[in-house]
Amino acid sequence: MPSLHTMWNDHVAKLPGLQDANPHLLRHTFASDLADAKVPRLVISELLGHEDPRSTDIYTHVEAEALQRSATRLQQWREQTMTGAAV
């Protein structure tokens, strides 16, 4: 039976735009989406099969990025409100 990586390389990696994608990227995206959805860290850890729940902490950067985007939007809104200019 072929390995996941063999099947991936034979089928998925040949699709246009997916040459740089890999199974680990899908796993990371899944965990990041769960974190963005505010799924508890212990649940994410269990779904990923992490032996140590602290291994899931790598995905908490998603919240930091979301906070940064929100702060940027707030700053743009403030600038627009104060100057009356469209952003």
PDB file of N, CA and C in Angstrom:
ATOM      1  N   MET A   1       0.856  -1.184   0.000  1.00  0.00           N
ATOM      2  CA  MET A   1       0.000   0.000   0.000  1.00  0.00           C
ATOM      3  C   MET A   1       0.900   1.245   0.000  1.00  0.00           C
ATOM      4  N   PRO A   2       0.636   2.184  -0.899  1.00  0.00           N
ATOM      5  CA  PRO A   2       1.482   3.386  -0.964  1.00  0.00           C
ATOM      6  C   PRO A   2       1.285   4.279   0.263  1.00  0.00           C
ATOM      7  N   SER A   3       2.330   4.993   0.602  1.00  0.00           N
ATOM      8  CA  SER A   3       2.263   5.909   1.745  1.00  0.00           C
ATOM      9  C   SER A   3       1.457   7.147   1.368  1.00  0.00           C
ATOM     10  N   LEU A   4       1.055   7.895   2.374  1.00  0.00           N
ATOM     11  CA  LEU A   4       0.320   9.144   2.150  1.00  0.00           C
ATOM     12  C   LEU A   4       1.152  10.087   1.281  1.00  0.00           C
ATOM     13  N   HIS A   5       2.441  10.189   1.584  1.00  0.00           N
ATOM     14  CA  HIS A   5       3.296  11.099   0.817  1.00  0.00           C
ATOM     15  C   HIS A   5       3.410  10.668  -0.648  1.00  0.00           C
ATOM     16  N   THR A   6       3.454   9.365  -0.886  1.00  0.00           N
ATOM     17  CA  THR A   6       3.505   8.873  -2.261  1.00  0.00           C
ATOM     18  C   THR A   6       2.216   9.218  -2.994  1.00  0.00           C
ATOM     19  N   MET A   7       1.082   8.952  -2.350  1.00  0.00           N
ATOM     20  CA  MET A   7      -0.209   9.278  -2.965  1.00  0.00           C
ATOM     21  C   MET A   7      -0.333  10.781  -3.190  1.00  0.00           C
ATOM     22  N   TRP A   8       0.109  11.561  -2.198  1.00  0.00           N
ATOM     23  CA  TRP A   8       0.054  13.023  -2.314  1.00  0.00           C
ATOM     24  C   TRP A   8       0.866  13.487  -3.524  1.00  0.00           C
ATOM     25  N   ASN A   9       2.104  13.009  -3.610  1.00  0.00           N
ATOM     26  CA  ASN A   9       2.990  13.418  -4.704  1.00  0.00           C
ATOM     27  C   ASN A   9       2.480  12.947  -6.068  1.00  0.00           C
ATOM     28  N   ASP A  10       1.819  11.804  -6.095  1.00  0.00           N
ATOM     29  CA  ASP A  10       1.307  11.269  -7.358  1.00  0.00           C
ATOM     30  C   ASP A  10       0.044  11.983  -7.830  1.00  0.00           C
ATOM     31  N   HIS A  11      -0.729  12.539  -6.914  1.00  0.00           N
ATOM     32  CA  HIS A  11      -2.027  13.080  -7.290  1.00  0.00           C
ATOM     33  C   HIS A  11      -2.184  14.569  -6.978  1.00  0.00           C
ATOM     34  N   VAL A  12      -2.091  14.921  -5.720  1.00  0.00           N
ATOM     35  CA  VAL A  12      -2.389  16.291  -5.299  1.00  0.00           C
ATOM     36  C   VAL A  12      -1.309  17.274  -5.727  1.00  0.00           C
ATOM     37  N   ALA A  13      -0.070  16.932  -5.510  1.00  0.00           N
ATOM     38  CA  ALA A  13       1.031  17.864  -5.783  1.00  0.00           C
ATOM     39  C   ALA A  13       1.162  18.214  -7.256  1.00  0.00           C
ATOM     40  N   LYS A  14       0.514  17.457  -8.124  1.00  0.00           N
ATOM     41  CA  LYS A  14       0.566  17.743  -9.558  1.00  0.00           C
ATOM     42  C   LYS A  14      -0.504  18.736  -9.992  1.00  0.00           C
ATOM     43  N   LEU A  15      -1.435  19.055  -9.114  1.00  0.00           N
ATOM     44  CA  LEU A  15      -2.502  19.995  -9.455  1.00  0.00           C
ATOM     45  C   LEU A  15      -1.961  21.414  -9.490  1.00  0.00           C
ATOM     46  N   PRO A  16      -2.441  22.226 -10.416  1.00  0.00           N
ATOM     47  CA  PRO A  16      -1.961  23.614 -10.509  1.00  0.00           C
ATOM     48  C   PRO A  16      -2.171  24.372  -9.194  1.00  0.00           C
ATOM     49  N   GLY A  17      -1.132  25.044  -8.759  1.00  0.00           N
ATOM     50  CA  GLY A  17      -1.202  25.857  -7.550  1.00  0.00           C
ATOM     51  C   GLY A  17      -0.949  25.098  -6.258  1.00  0.00           C
ATOM     52  N   LEU A  18      -0.808  23.789  -6.333  1.00  0.00           N
ATOM     53  CA  LEU A  18      -0.604  23.006  -5.109  1.00  0.00           C
ATOM     54  C   LEU A  18       0.780  22.376  -5.029  1.00  0.00           C
ATOM     55  N   GLN A  19       1.690  22.819  -5.861  1.00  0.00           N
ATOM     56  CA  GLN A  19       3.026  22.223  -5.869  1.00  0.00           C
ATOM     57  C   GLN A  19       3.740  22.401  -4.530  1.00  0.00           C
ATOM     58  N   ASP A  20       3.469  23.490  -3.814  1.00  0.00           N
ATOM     59  CA  ASP A  20       4.150  23.741  -2.542  1.00  0.00           C
ATOM     60  C   ASP A  20       3.350  23.247  -1.339  1.00  0.00           C
ATOM     61  N   ALA A  21       2.168  22.725  -1.577  1.00  0.00           N
ATOM     62  CA  ALA A  21       1.346  22.224  -0.478  1.00  0.00           C
ATOM     63  C   ALA A  21       1.836  20.834  -0.054  1.00  0.00           C
ATOM     64  N   ASN A  22       1.528  20.480   1.181  1.00  0.00           N
ATOM     65  CA  ASN A  22       1.892  19.162   1.683  1.00  0.00           C
ATOM     66  C   ASN A  22       0.921  18.787   2.801  1.00  0.00           C
ATOM     67  N   PRO A  23       0.873  17.496   3.180  1.00  0.00           N
ATOM     68  CA  PRO A  23      -0.058  17.075   4.223  1.00  0.00           C
ATOM     69  C   PRO A  23       0.118  17.838   5.541  1.00  0.00           C
ATOM     70  N   HIS A  24       1.344  18.184   5.882  1.00  0.00           N
ATOM     71  CA  HIS A  24       1.566  18.917   7.133  1.00  0.00           C
ATOM     72  C   HIS A  24       0.923  20.299   7.069  1.00  0.00           C
ATOM     73  N   LEU A  25       0.948  20.926   5.907  1.00  0.00           N
ATOM     74  CA  LEU A  25       0.303  22.225   5.740  1.00  0.00           C
ATOM     75  C   LEU A  25      -1.202  22.114   5.993  1.00  0.00           C
ATOM     76  N   LEU A  26      -1.813  21.037   5.510  1.00  0.00           N
ATOM     77  CA  LEU A  26      -3.244  20.825   5.771  1.00  0.00           C
ATOM     78  C   LEU A  26      -3.511  20.650   7.267  1.00  0.00           C
ATOM     79  N   ARG A  27      -2.644  19.926   7.925  1.00  0.00           N
ATOM     80  CA  ARG A  27      -2.783  19.710   9.377  1.00  0.00           C
ATOM     81  C   ARG A  27      -2.665  21.034  10.118  1.00  0.00           C
ATOM     82  N   HIS A  28      -1.691  21.833   9.707  1.00  0.00           N
ATOM     83  CA  HIS A  28      -1.474  23.133  10.339  1.00  0.00           C
ATOM     84  C   HIS A  28      -2.675  24.051  10.096  1.00  0.00           C
ATOM     85  N   THR A  29      -3.202  24.046   8.878  1.00  0.00           N
ATOM     86  CA  THR A  29      -4.362  24.867   8.545  1.00  0.00           C
ATOM     87  C   THR A  29      -5.572  24.432   9.359  1.00  0.00           C
ATOM     88  N   PHE A  30      -5.778  23.134   9.490  1.00  0.00           N
ATOM     89  CA  PHE A  30      -6.880  22.596  10.289  1.00  0.00           C
ATOM     90  C   PHE A  30      -6.779  23.079  11.734  1.00  0.00           C
ATOM     91  N   ALA A  31      -5.604  22.947  12.323  1.00  0.00           N
ATOM     92  CA  ALA A  31      -5.409  23.371  13.712  1.00  0.00           C
ATOM     93  C   ALA A  31      -5.570  24.876  13.858  1.00  0.00           C
ATOM     94  N   SER A  32      -5.061  25.638  12.913  1.00  0.00           N
ATOM     95  CA  SER A  32      -5.183  27.100  12.968  1.00  0.00           C
ATOM     96  C   SER A  32      -6.637  27.530  12.852  1.00  0.00           C
ATOM     97  N   ASP A  33      -7.382  26.881  11.961  1.00  0.00           N
ATOM     98  CA  ASP A  33      -8.807  27.201  11.824  1.00  0.00           C
ATOM     99  C   ASP A  33      -9.566  26.880  13.107  1.00  0.00           C
ATOM    100  N   LEU A  34      -9.219  25.779  13.743  1.00  0.00           N
ATOM    101  CA  LEU A  34      -9.858  25.443  15.019  1.00  0.00           C
ATOM    102  C   LEU A  34      -9.539  26.504  16.079  1.00  0.00           C
ATOM    103  N   ALA A  35      -8.285  26.941  16.122  1.00  0.00           N
ATOM    104  CA  ALA A  35      -7.885  27.967  17.086  1.00  0.00           C
ATOM    105  C   ALA A  35      -8.627  29.273  16.810  1.00  0.00           C
ATOM    106  N   ASP A  36      -8.751  29.654  15.538  1.00  0.00           N
ATOM    107  CA  ASP A  36      -9.491  30.863  15.176  1.00  0.00           C
ATOM    108  C   ASP A  36     -10.959  30.762  15.589  1.00  0.00           C
ATOM    109  N   ALA A  37     -11.490  29.546  15.549  1.00  0.00           N
ATOM    110  CA  ALA A  37     -12.887  29.319  15.921  1.00  0.00           C
ATOM    111  C   ALA A  37     -13.067  29.208  17.435  1.00  0.00           C
ATOM    112  N   LYS A  38     -11.983  29.459  18.173  1.00  0.00           N
ATOM    113  CA  LYS A  38     -11.999  29.428  19.643  1.00  0.00           C
ATOM    114  C   LYS A  38     -12.280  28.038  20.217  1.00  0.00           C
ATOM    115  N   VAL A  39     -11.906  26.997  19.467  1.00  0.00           N
ATOM    116  CA  VAL A  39     -12.006  25.640  19.992  1.00  0.00           C
ATOM    117  C   VAL A  39     -10.961  25.518  21.100  1.00  0.00           C
ATOM    118  N   PRO A  40     -11.335  24.950  22.251  1.00  0.00           N
ATOM    119  CA  PRO A  40     -10.373  24.844  23.354  1.00  0.00           C
ATOM    120  C   PRO A  40      -9.095  24.113  22.941  1.00  0.00           C
ATOM    121  N   ARG A  41      -7.995  24.605  23.471  1.00  0.00           N
ATOM    122  CA  ARG A  41      -6.678  24.052  23.140  1.00  0.00           C
ATOM    123  C   ARG A  41      -6.608  22.553  23.403  1.00  0.00           C
ATOM    124  N   LEU A  42      -7.208  22.078  24.494  1.00  0.00           N
ATOM    125  CA  LEU A  42      -7.155  20.644  24.802  1.00  0.00           C
ATOM    126  C   LEU A  42      -7.906  19.824  23.758  1.00  0.00           C
ATOM    127  N   VAL A  43      -8.975  20.376  23.203  1.00  0.00           N
ATOM    128  CA  VAL A  43      -9.711  19.674  22.152  1.00  0.00           C
ATOM    129  C   VAL A  43      -8.863  19.609  20.882  1.00  0.00           C
ATOM    130  N   ILE A  44      -8.234  20.727  20.535  1.00  0.00           N
ATOM    131  CA  ILE A  44      -7.350  20.741  19.358  1.00  0.00           C
ATOM    132  C   ILE A  44      -6.225  19.733  19.548  1.00  0.00           C
ATOM    133  N   SER A  45      -5.648  19.727  20.728  1.00  0.00           N
ATOM    134  CA  SER A  45      -4.563  18.804  21.036  1.00  0.00           C
ATOM    135  C   SER A  45      -5.005  17.360  20.851  1.00  0.00           C
ATOM    136  N   GLU A  46      -6.197  17.059  21.318  1.00  0.00           N
ATOM    137  CA  GLU A  46      -6.728  15.699  21.185  1.00  0.00           C
ATOM    138  C   GLU A  46      -6.972  15.349  19.714  1.00  0.00           C
ATOM    139  N   LEU A  47      -7.547  16.280  18.972  1.00  0.00           N
ATOM    140  CA  LEU A  47      -7.815  16.033  17.547  1.00  0.00           C
ATOM    141  C   LEU A  47      -6.529  15.812  16.753  1.00  0.00           C
ATOM    142  N   LEU A  48      -5.467  16.509  17.139  1.00  0.00           N
ATOM    143  CA  LEU A  48      -4.190  16.365  16.442  1.00  0.00           C
ATOM    144  C   LEU A  48      -3.376  15.173  16.933  1.00  0.00           C
ATOM    145  N   GLY A  49      -3.815  14.589  18.042  1.00  0.00           N
ATOM    146  CA  GLY A  49      -3.096  13.445  18.589  1.00  0.00           C
ATOM    147  C   GLY A  49      -1.828  13.812  19.320  1.00  0.00           C
ATOM    148  N   HIS A  50      -1.771  15.039  19.829  1.00  0.00           N
ATOM    149  CA  HIS A  50      -0.594  15.465  20.579  1.00  0.00           C
ATOM    150  C   HIS A  50      -0.559  14.766  21.931  1.00  0.00           C
ATOM    151  N   GLU A  51       0.572  14.192  22.241  1.00  0.00           N
ATOM    152  CA  GLU A  51       0.740  13.545  23.533  1.00  0.00           C
ATOM    153  C   GLU A  51       0.782  14.595  24.646  1.00  0.00           C
ATOM    154  N   ASP A  52       1.451  15.694  24.379  1.00  0.00           N
ATOM    155  CA  ASP A  52       1.565  16.801  25.329  1.00  0.00           C
ATOM    156  C   ASP A  52       0.757  17.983  24.792  1.00  0.00           C
ATOM    157  N   PRO A  53      -0.290  18.412  25.506  1.00  0.00           N
ATOM    158  CA  PRO A  53      -1.119  19.528  25.024  1.00  0.00           C
ATOM    159  C   PRO A  53      -0.321  20.797  24.726  1.00  0.00           C
ATOM    160  N   ARG A  54       0.845  20.947  25.343  1.00  0.00           N
ATOM    161  CA  ARG A  54       1.660  22.133  25.071  1.00  0.00           C
ATOM    162  C   ARG A  54       2.163  22.166  23.627  1.00  0.00           C
ATOM    163  N   SER A  55       2.179  21.001  22.981  1.00  0.00           N
ATOM    164  CA  SER A  55       2.584  20.955  21.576  1.00  0.00           C
ATOM    165  C   SER A  55       1.640  21.761  20.702  1.00  0.00           C
ATOM    166  N   THR A  56       0.431  21.951  21.168  1.00  0.00           N
ATOM    167  CA  THR A  56      -0.582  22.687  20.409  1.00  0.00           C
ATOM    168  C   THR A  56      -0.337  24.188  20.462  1.00  0.00           C
ATOM    169  N   ASP A  57       0.496  24.642  21.371  1.00  0.00           N
ATOM    170  CA  ASP A  57       0.745  26.077  21.524  1.00  0.00           C
ATOM    171  C   ASP A  57       1.292  26.727  20.261  1.00  0.00           C
ATOM    172  N   ILE A  58       1.880  25.942  19.376  1.00  0.00           N
ATOM    173  CA  ILE A  58       2.423  26.515  18.137  1.00  0.00           C
ATOM    174  C   ILE A  58       1.325  27.178  17.309  1.00  0.00           C
ATOM    175  N   TYR A  59       0.083  26.760  17.495  1.00  0.00           N
ATOM    176  CA  TYR A  59      -1.021  27.305  16.710  1.00  0.00           C
ATOM    177  C   TYR A  59      -1.635  28.552  17.327  1.00  0.00           C
ATOM    178  N   THR A  60      -1.193  28.959  18.502  1.00  0.00           N
ATOM    179  CA  THR A  60      -1.777  30.137  19.151  1.00  0.00           C
ATOM    180  C   THR A  60      -1.348  31.421  18.473  1.00  0.00           C
ATOM    181  N   HIS A  61      -0.356  31.371  17.588  1.00  0.00           N
ATOM    182  CA  HIS A  61       0.053  32.571  16.848  1.00  0.00           C
ATOM    183  C   HIS A  61      -1.085  33.116  16.012  1.00  0.00           C
ATOM    184  N   VAL A  62      -2.041  32.269  15.690  1.00  0.00           N
ATOM    185  CA  VAL A  62      -3.166  32.695  14.868  1.00  0.00           C
ATOM    186  C   VAL A  62      -3.908  33.825  15.563  1.00  0.00           C
ATOM    187  N   GLU A  63      -4.127  33.682  16.865  1.00  0.00           N
ATOM    188  CA  GLU A  63      -4.826  34.728  17.595  1.00  0.00           C
ATOM    189  C   GLU A  63      -4.030  36.026  17.573  1.00  0.00           C
ATOM    190  N   ALA A  64      -2.734  35.945  17.691  1.00  0.00           N
ATOM    191  CA  ALA A  64      -1.903  37.148  17.656  1.00  0.00           C
ATOM    192  C   ALA A  64      -2.043  37.847  16.304  1.00  0.00           C
ATOM    193  N   GLU A  65      -2.074  37.076  15.236  1.00  0.00           N
ATOM    194  CA  GLU A  65      -2.246  37.660  13.904  1.00  0.00           C
ATOM    195  C   GLU A  65      -3.622  38.313  13.773  1.00  0.00           C
ATOM    196  N   ALA A  66      -4.642  37.659  14.306  1.00  0.00           N
ATOM    197  CA  ALA A  66      -5.989  38.224  14.254  1.00  0.00           C
ATOM    198  C   ALA A  66      -6.058  39.514  15.063  1.00  0.00           C
ATOM    199  N   LEU A  67      -5.382  39.547  16.189  1.00  0.00           N
ATOM    200  CA  LEU A  67      -5.340  40.766  16.997  1.00  0.00           C
ATOM    201  C   LEU A  67      -4.638  41.892  16.249  1.00  0.00           C
ATOM    202  N   GLN A  68      -3.563  41.571  15.567  1.00  0.00           N
ATOM    203  CA  GLN A  68      -2.836  42.583  14.803  1.00  0.00           C
ATOM    204  C   GLN A  68      -3.710  43.133  13.686  1.00  0.00           C
ATOM    205  N   ARG A  69      -4.409  42.267  12.971  1.00  0.00           N
ATOM    206  CA  ARG A  69      -5.305  42.728  11.907  1.00  0.00           C
ATOM    207  C   ARG A  69      -6.393  43.633  12.480  1.00  0.00           C
ATOM    208  N   SER A  70      -6.923  43.268  13.627  1.00  0.00           N
ATOM    209  CA  SER A  70      -7.961  44.079  14.258  1.00  0.00           C
ATOM    210  C   SER A  70      -7.418  45.436  14.679  1.00  0.00           C
ATOM    211  N   ALA A  71      -6.217  45.457  15.225  1.00  0.00           N
ATOM    212  CA  ALA A  71      -5.606  46.725  15.631  1.00  0.00           C
ATOM    213  C   ALA A  71      -5.362  47.612  14.419  1.00  0.00           C
ATOM    214  N   THR A  72      -4.948  47.021  13.325  1.00  0.00           N
ATOM    215  CA  THR A  72      -4.723  47.782  12.094  1.00  0.00           C
ATOM    216  C   THR A  72      -6.036  48.372  11.588  1.00  0.00           C
ATOM    217  N   ARG A  73      -7.093  47.566  11.598  1.00  0.00           N
ATOM    218  CA  ARG A  73      -8.401  48.073  11.167  1.00  0.00           C
ATOM    219  C   ARG A  73      -8.872  49.215  12.056  1.00  0.00           C
ATOM    220  N   LEU A  74      -8.656  49.084  13.360  1.00  0.00           N
ATOM    221  CA  LEU A  74      -9.052  50.140  14.292  1.00  0.00           C
ATOM    222  C   LEU A  74      -8.282  51.420  14.000  1.00  0.00           C
ATOM    223  N   GLN A  75      -6.989  51.292  13.762  1.00  0.00           N
ATOM    224  CA  GLN A  75      -6.171  52.461  13.444  1.00  0.00           C
ATOM    225  C   GLN A  75      -6.654  53.130  12.161  1.00  0.00           C
ATOM    226  N   GLN A  76      -6.965  52.348  11.152  1.00  0.00           N
ATOM    227  CA  GLN A  76      -7.475  52.901   9.900  1.00  0.00           C
ATOM    228  C   GLN A  76      -8.806  53.613  10.126  1.00  0.00           C
ATOM    229  N   TRP A  77      -9.661  53.011  10.924  1.00  0.00           N
ATOM    230  CA  TRP A  77     -10.963  53.629  11.228  1.00  0.00           C
ATOM    231  C   TRP A  77     -10.767  54.957  11.953  1.00  0.00           C
ATOM    232  N   ARG A  78      -9.841  54.959  12.921  1.00  0.00           N
ATOM    233  CA  ARG A  78      -9.571  56.201  13.661  1.00  0.00           C
ATOM    234  C   ARG A  78      -9.067  57.293  12.724  1.00  0.00           C
ATOM    235  N   GLU A  79      -8.138  56.930  11.852  1.00  0.00           N
ATOM    236  CA  GLU A  79      -7.591  57.911  10.905  1.00  0.00           C
ATOM    237  C   GLU A  79      -8.686  58.440   9.985  1.00  0.00           C
ATOM    238  N   GLN A  80      -9.538  57.559   9.531  1.00  0.00           N
ATOM    239  CA  GLN A  80     -10.637  57.976   8.657  1.00  0.00           C
ATOM    240  C   GLN A  80     -11.604  58.890   9.407  1.00  0.00           C
ATOM    241  N   THR A  81     -11.916  58.552  10.631  1.00  0.00           N
ATOM    242  CA  THR A  81     -12.851  59.331  11.430  1.00  0.00           C
ATOM    243  C   THR A  81     -12.275  60.708  11.776  1.00  0.00           C
ATOM    244  N   MET A  82     -11.016  60.744  12.112  1.00  0.00           N
ATOM    245  CA  MET A  82     -10.389  62.007  12.519  1.00  0.00           C
ATOM    246  C   MET A  82     -10.153  62.942  11.335  1.00  0.00           C
ATOM    247  N   THR A  83      -9.836  62.355  10.176  1.00  0.00           N
ATOM    248  CA  THR A  83      -9.515  63.206   9.025  1.00  0.00           C
ATOM    249  C   THR A  83     -10.689  63.344   8.070  1.00  0.00           C
ATOM    250  N   GLY A  84     -11.659  62.451   8.186  1.00  0.00           N
ATOM    251  CA  GLY A  84     -12.779  62.473   7.281  1.00  0.00           C
ATOM    252  C   GLY A  84     -12.437  61.928   5.908  1.00  0.00           C
ATOM    253  N   ALA A  85     -11.241  61.373   5.768  1.00  0.00           N
ATOM    254  CA  ALA A  85     -10.795  60.836   4.478  1.00  0.00           C
ATOM    255  C   ALA A  85     -11.138  59.368   4.377  1.00  0.00           C
ATOM    256  N   ALA A  86     -11.386  58.909   3.188  1.00  0.00           N
ATOM    257  CA  ALA A  86     -11.635  57.490   2.963  1.00  0.00           C
ATOM    258  C   ALA A  86     -10.319  56.738   3.027  1.00  0.00           C
ATOM    259  N   VAL A  87     -10.379  55.536   3.595  1.00  0.00           N
ATOM    260  CA  VAL A  87      -9.185  54.701   3.708  1.00  0.00           C
ATOM    261  C   VAL A  87      -9.255  53.606   2.698  1.00  0.00           C
TER     262      VAL A  87
END
